[in-house]
């Protein structure tokens, strides 16, 4: 007996692989390699695509925002807020503490895990560039440093866009356009899922299954332990098998064989 099973990706898996987020990267990379080996066709709902694209754009914008904020913070501290003195500022090794203080303040204001991770990544990148600059000279102009970071920032934008395209093409991820019904969203909520975004994604998968003439189950690959994987048993009654990236392909092949994971 062979079942028809489709596999859908959650936003967190796509973001981890595109932005190289460390927390679940090894598990998501295992899934990536497993899915390529099995030559699987993967899907994301239109709601997942919308959130994914928004968060990629937000991440890009945040890099520029942090760099601008850093320049303002350093210049304000060094000139007392007198903009006309900006061009006279020379960064030296002692300014490392200013950079550290700025990023600590921004990290304290961050309200999401993704923003915290991206702030730490940008901080490491900036400090590395700063240390390279001051090693070459006893000091570097703040204006010159800012210009170099802006150029690097554009490179970062381009790399993220390229990594996104590579991921979607490499894993053959197609978008399934679904606008789930209110009744289905209620059913997902009743299964114990509370986050509005997760409800939308899972309800879309549920309605996809209801509309499909052949697909019997959907594997939903996610790293959301709090809101999705915790509701795994109840979601399975709706034919959605929520699974961690590490085990997702094994679960897929098990379902395909007509067995239950």
Protein backbone atom coordinates (compact mmCIF):
# COMPACT_ATOMS: atom_id res chain seq x y z
CA UNK A 1 0.00 0.00 0.00
CA UNK A 2 1.34 3.44 -0.97
CA UNK A 3 -0.20 6.64 0.30
CA UNK A 4 -0.11 10.03 -1.37
CA UNK A 5 1.64 12.38 1.07
CA UNK A 6 2.67 16.02 0.57
CA UNK A 7 5.19 17.95 2.64
CA UNK A 8 4.81 21.59 3.69
CA UNK A 9 7.44 23.84 5.28
CA UNK A 10 6.87 26.26 8.12
CA UNK A 11 8.33 29.78 8.01
CA UNK A 12 10.90 29.02 10.70
CA UNK A 13 12.55 26.29 8.60
CA UNK A 14 12.79 28.58 5.57
CA UNK A 15 14.24 31.42 7.66
CA UNK A 16 16.76 29.15 9.38
CA UNK A 17 18.11 27.91 6.05
CA UNK A 18 18.10 31.31 4.32
CA UNK A 19 19.53 33.42 7.16
CA UNK A 20 21.70 30.62 8.58
CA UNK A 21 20.15 30.97 12.04
CA UNK A 22 22.21 28.86 14.40
CA UNK A 23 19.63 27.44 16.83
CA UNK A 24 18.10 24.81 14.53
CA UNK A 25 20.50 25.05 11.59
CA UNK A 26 21.99 21.56 11.90
CA UNK A 27 18.52 19.96 12.06
CA UNK A 28 17.26 22.02 9.11
CA UNK A 29 20.38 21.22 7.07
CA UNK A 30 19.78 17.52 7.72
CA UNK A 31 16.24 17.93 6.41
CA UNK A 32 17.57 19.81 3.38
CA UNK A 33 19.96 16.99 2.48
CA UNK A 34 17.40 14.26 3.22
CA UNK A 35 14.78 15.95 1.03
CA UNK A 36 17.26 16.35 -1.84
CA UNK A 37 18.28 12.70 -1.57
CA UNK A 38 14.65 11.58 -1.75
CA UNK A 39 13.98 14.05 -4.59
CA UNK A 40 10.90 15.30 -2.74
CA UNK A 41 8.53 17.95 -4.02
CA UNK A 42 8.04 20.42 -1.20
CA UNK A 43 5.36 23.05 -0.69
CA UNK A 44 4.60 26.17 1.27
CA UNK A 45 1.22 27.79 1.65
CA UNK A 46 0.67 31.30 0.33
CA UNK A 47 0.38 32.47 3.95
CA UNK A 48 3.83 31.03 4.71
CA UNK A 49 5.24 32.69 1.60
CA UNK A 50 3.83 36.06 2.67
CA UNK A 51 5.33 35.85 6.17
CA UNK A 52 8.64 34.48 4.84
CA UNK A 53 9.02 37.31 2.33
CA UNK A 54 8.06 39.91 4.94
CA UNK A 55 10.58 38.61 7.48
CA UNK A 56 13.35 38.44 4.87
CA UNK A 57 12.59 42.06 3.94
CA UNK A 58 12.40 43.04 7.61
CA UNK A 59 15.76 41.37 8.26
CA UNK A 60 17.33 43.28 5.38
CA UNK A 61 15.87 46.57 6.58
CA UNK A 62 17.08 45.88 10.10
CA UNK A 63 20.71 45.69 8.98
CA UNK A 64 20.51 49.22 7.56
CA UNK A 65 18.57 50.43 10.58
CA UNK A 66 21.20 49.09 13.00
CA UNK A 67 24.08 50.60 11.03
CA UNK A 68 22.42 54.01 10.88
CA UNK A 69 21.68 53.84 14.60
CA UNK A 70 25.27 52.91 15.37
CA UNK A 71 26.65 55.91 13.45
CA UNK A 72 24.22 58.24 15.23
CA UNK A 73 25.06 56.72 18.62
CA UNK A 74 28.83 57.05 18.11
CA UNK A 75 28.60 60.56 16.66
CA UNK A 76 26.31 61.76 19.45
CA UNK A 77 28.63 60.42 22.13
CA UNK A 78 31.74 61.83 20.49
CA UNK A 79 30.41 65.26 19.43
CA UNK A 80 27.70 65.92 21.98
CA UNK A 81 25.15 65.90 19.17
CA UNK A 82 26.89 68.57 17.08
CA UNK A 83 26.48 67.27 13.52
CA UNK A 84 28.99 69.73 12.10
CA UNK A 85 31.76 67.80 13.89
CA UNK A 86 30.80 64.46 12.35
CA UNK A 87 33.54 64.49 9.73
CA UNK A 88 36.19 64.98 12.40
CA UNK A 89 35.42 61.75 14.28
CA UNK A 90 38.16 59.12 14.12
CA UNK A 91 37.38 55.68 15.50
CA UNK A 92 40.09 54.02 17.61
CA UNK A 93 40.31 50.75 19.50
CA UNK A 94 38.74 52.45 22.54
CA UNK A 95 35.46 52.87 20.62
CA UNK A 96 34.84 49.13 20.88
CA UNK A 97 33.05 49.81 24.18
CA UNK A 98 30.74 52.32 22.46
CA UNK A 99 29.85 49.77 19.79
CA UNK A 100 29.27 47.12 22.43
CA UNK A 101 27.04 49.41 24.48
CA UNK A 102 24.95 50.31 21.43
CA UNK A 103 24.27 46.69 20.51
CA UNK A 104 23.53 45.74 24.13
CA UNK A 105 20.91 48.49 24.21
CA UNK A 106 19.36 47.31 20.92
CA UNK A 107 19.34 43.69 22.13
CA UNK A 108 17.52 44.76 25.28
CA UNK A 109 14.78 46.37 23.17
CA UNK A 110 14.33 43.34 20.88
CA UNK A 111 10.94 41.66 21.33
CA UNK A 112 11.38 38.60 19.10
CA UNK A 113 13.93 35.79 19.02
CA UNK A 114 14.56 36.39 15.31
CA UNK A 115 15.42 40.06 15.95
CA UNK A 116 17.74 39.09 18.82
CA UNK A 117 19.55 36.60 16.60
CA UNK A 118 19.91 39.10 13.76
CA UNK A 119 21.19 41.83 16.12
CA UNK A 120 23.90 39.49 17.43
CA UNK A 121 24.83 38.53 13.86
CA UNK A 122 25.11 42.19 12.76
CA UNK A 123 27.07 43.01 15.92
CA UNK A 124 29.62 40.28 15.18
CA UNK A 125 29.91 41.47 11.58
CA UNK A 126 30.39 45.14 12.60
CA UNK A 127 32.94 44.34 15.33
CA UNK A 128 34.91 42.16 12.92
CA UNK A 129 35.00 44.97 10.33
CA UNK A 130 35.87 47.51 13.06
CA UNK A 131 38.78 45.41 14.35
CA UNK A 132 40.09 44.91 10.81
CA UNK A 133 39.99 48.69 10.24
CA UNK A 134 41.76 49.71 13.45
CA UNK A 135 44.42 46.99 12.99
CA UNK A 136 45.42 48.56 9.68
CA UNK A 137 45.66 52.03 11.18
CA UNK A 138 45.68 53.70 14.57
CA UNK A 139 42.30 55.16 13.67
CA UNK A 140 39.68 55.22 10.94
CA UNK A 141 37.28 57.99 9.98
CA UNK A 142 33.73 57.32 11.16
CA UNK A 143 32.48 58.60 7.78
CA UNK A 144 34.76 56.20 5.88
CA UNK A 145 33.81 53.33 8.16
CA UNK A 146 30.10 54.06 7.66
CA UNK A 147 30.52 54.18 3.87
CA UNK A 148 32.33 50.82 3.89
CA UNK A 149 29.60 49.30 6.04
CA UNK A 150 26.91 50.60 3.66
CA UNK A 151 28.66 48.87 0.76
CA UNK A 152 28.92 45.67 2.80
CA UNK A 153 25.26 46.10 3.70
CA UNK A 154 24.28 46.03 0.02
CA UNK A 155 26.33 42.87 -0.41
CA UNK A 156 24.44 41.34 2.53
CA UNK A 157 21.10 42.28 0.93
CA UNK A 158 22.16 40.65 -2.33
CA UNK A 159 23.41 37.51 -0.60
CA UNK A 160 20.17 37.01 1.34
CA UNK A 161 18.14 37.41 -1.85
CA UNK A 162 20.40 34.94 -3.64
CA UNK A 163 20.26 32.43 -0.77
CA UNK A 164 16.46 32.63 -0.78
CA UNK A 165 16.29 31.88 -4.51
CA UNK A 166 18.83 29.06 -4.25
CA UNK A 167 16.85 27.42 -1.43
CA UNK A 168 13.50 27.58 -3.24
CA UNK A 169 14.99 26.26 -6.48
CA UNK A 170 17.18 23.60 -4.91
CA UNK A 171 14.35 22.09 -2.88
CA UNK A 172 11.75 22.66 -5.61
CA UNK A 173 9.44 24.45 -3.17
CA UNK A 174 6.14 25.38 -4.79
CA UNK A 175 3.53 27.75 -3.41
CA UNK A 176 0.02 26.44 -2.76
CA UNK A 177 -2.45 29.36 -2.83
CA UNK A 178 -5.13 28.67 -0.22
CA UNK A 179 -7.44 31.02 1.65
CA UNK A 180 -8.63 28.86 4.54
CA UNK A 181 -12.18 28.94 5.80
CA UNK A 182 -13.14 30.28 9.21
CA UNK A 183 -14.42 26.82 10.14
CA UNK A 184 -11.02 25.28 9.42
CA UNK A 185 -9.21 27.98 11.39
CA UNK A 186 -11.52 27.20 14.31
CA UNK A 187 -10.66 23.50 14.00
CA UNK A 188 -6.92 24.29 14.13
CA UNK A 189 -7.45 26.51 17.15
CA UNK A 190 -9.40 23.70 18.82
CA UNK A 191 -6.42 21.41 18.23
CA UNK A 192 -4.42 23.63 20.58
CA UNK A 193 -2.70 26.04 18.20
CA UNK A 194 -3.02 29.64 19.42
CA UNK A 195 -0.68 31.79 17.32
CA UNK A 196 -2.68 33.54 14.54
CA UNK A 197 0.06 33.02 11.93
CA UNK A 198 0.34 29.30 12.74
CA UNK A 199 -3.43 28.94 12.61
CA UNK A 200 -3.47 30.47 9.13
CA UNK A 201 -0.66 28.23 7.86
CA UNK A 202 -2.09 25.01 9.28
CA UNK A 203 -5.65 25.81 8.25
CA UNK A 204 -4.37 26.33 4.71
CA UNK A 205 -2.79 22.85 4.78
CA UNK A 206 -5.98 21.39 6.21
CA UNK A 207 -8.14 22.90 3.46
CA UNK A 208 -5.59 21.77 0.86
CA UNK A 209 -6.07 18.20 2.05
CA UNK A 210 -9.85 18.59 2.00
CA UNK A 211 -9.74 19.87 -1.59
CA UNK A 212 -7.22 17.30 -2.83
CA UNK A 213 -8.53 14.28 -4.70
CA UNK A 214 -5.49 12.15 -3.91
CA UNK A 215 -3.39 13.46 -1.01
CA UNK A 216 -4.22 11.68 2.24
CA UNK A 217 -1.73 13.22 4.69
CA UNK A 218 0.52 16.25 4.93
CA UNK A 219 3.82 16.37 6.78
CA UNK A 220 4.31 19.85 8.24
CA UNK A 221 8.00 20.53 8.92
CA UNK A 222 8.52 23.00 11.75
CA UNK A 223 10.77 24.01 14.63
CA UNK A 224 7.88 25.55 16.56
CA UNK A 225 7.83 23.38 19.66
CA UNK A 226 5.66 25.75 21.66
CA UNK A 227 2.63 26.18 19.45
CA UNK A 228 2.70 23.51 16.71
CA UNK A 229 4.67 20.43 17.77
CA UNK A 230 2.98 20.56 21.18
CA UNK A 231 -0.35 20.06 19.36
CA UNK A 232 1.00 17.19 17.23
CA UNK A 233 -1.43 14.51 18.40
CA UNK A 234 -4.56 16.57 17.79
CA UNK A 235 -3.29 17.87 14.46
CA UNK A 236 -2.73 14.29 13.29
CA UNK A 237 -6.47 13.70 13.64
CA UNK A 238 -6.82 16.41 10.95
CA UNK A 239 -4.36 14.45 8.73
CA UNK A 240 -1.55 16.95 9.43
CA UNK A 241 1.58 15.30 10.83
CA UNK A 242 3.69 18.03 12.44
CA UNK A 243 7.32 16.96 12.56
CA UNK A 244 10.78 18.22 13.48
CA UNK A 245 13.22 18.69 10.58
CA UNK A 246 15.48 15.91 11.87
CA UNK A 247 12.77 13.26 11.45
CA UNK A 248 10.56 14.82 8.78
CA UNK A 249 11.76 12.83 5.77
CA UNK A 250 11.66 9.54 7.69
CA UNK A 251 8.10 10.36 8.74
CA UNK A 252 7.23 11.18 5.13
CA UNK A 253 8.56 7.86 3.82
CA UNK A 254 6.82 5.97 6.65
CA UNK A 255 3.47 7.54 5.76
CA UNK A 256 4.08 6.83 2.08
CA UNK A 257 4.47 3.13 2.91
CA UNK A 258 1.01 3.16 4.47
CA UNK A 259 2.30 3.08 8.05
CA UNK A 260 1.76 5.60 10.81
CA UNK A 261 4.83 7.24 12.37
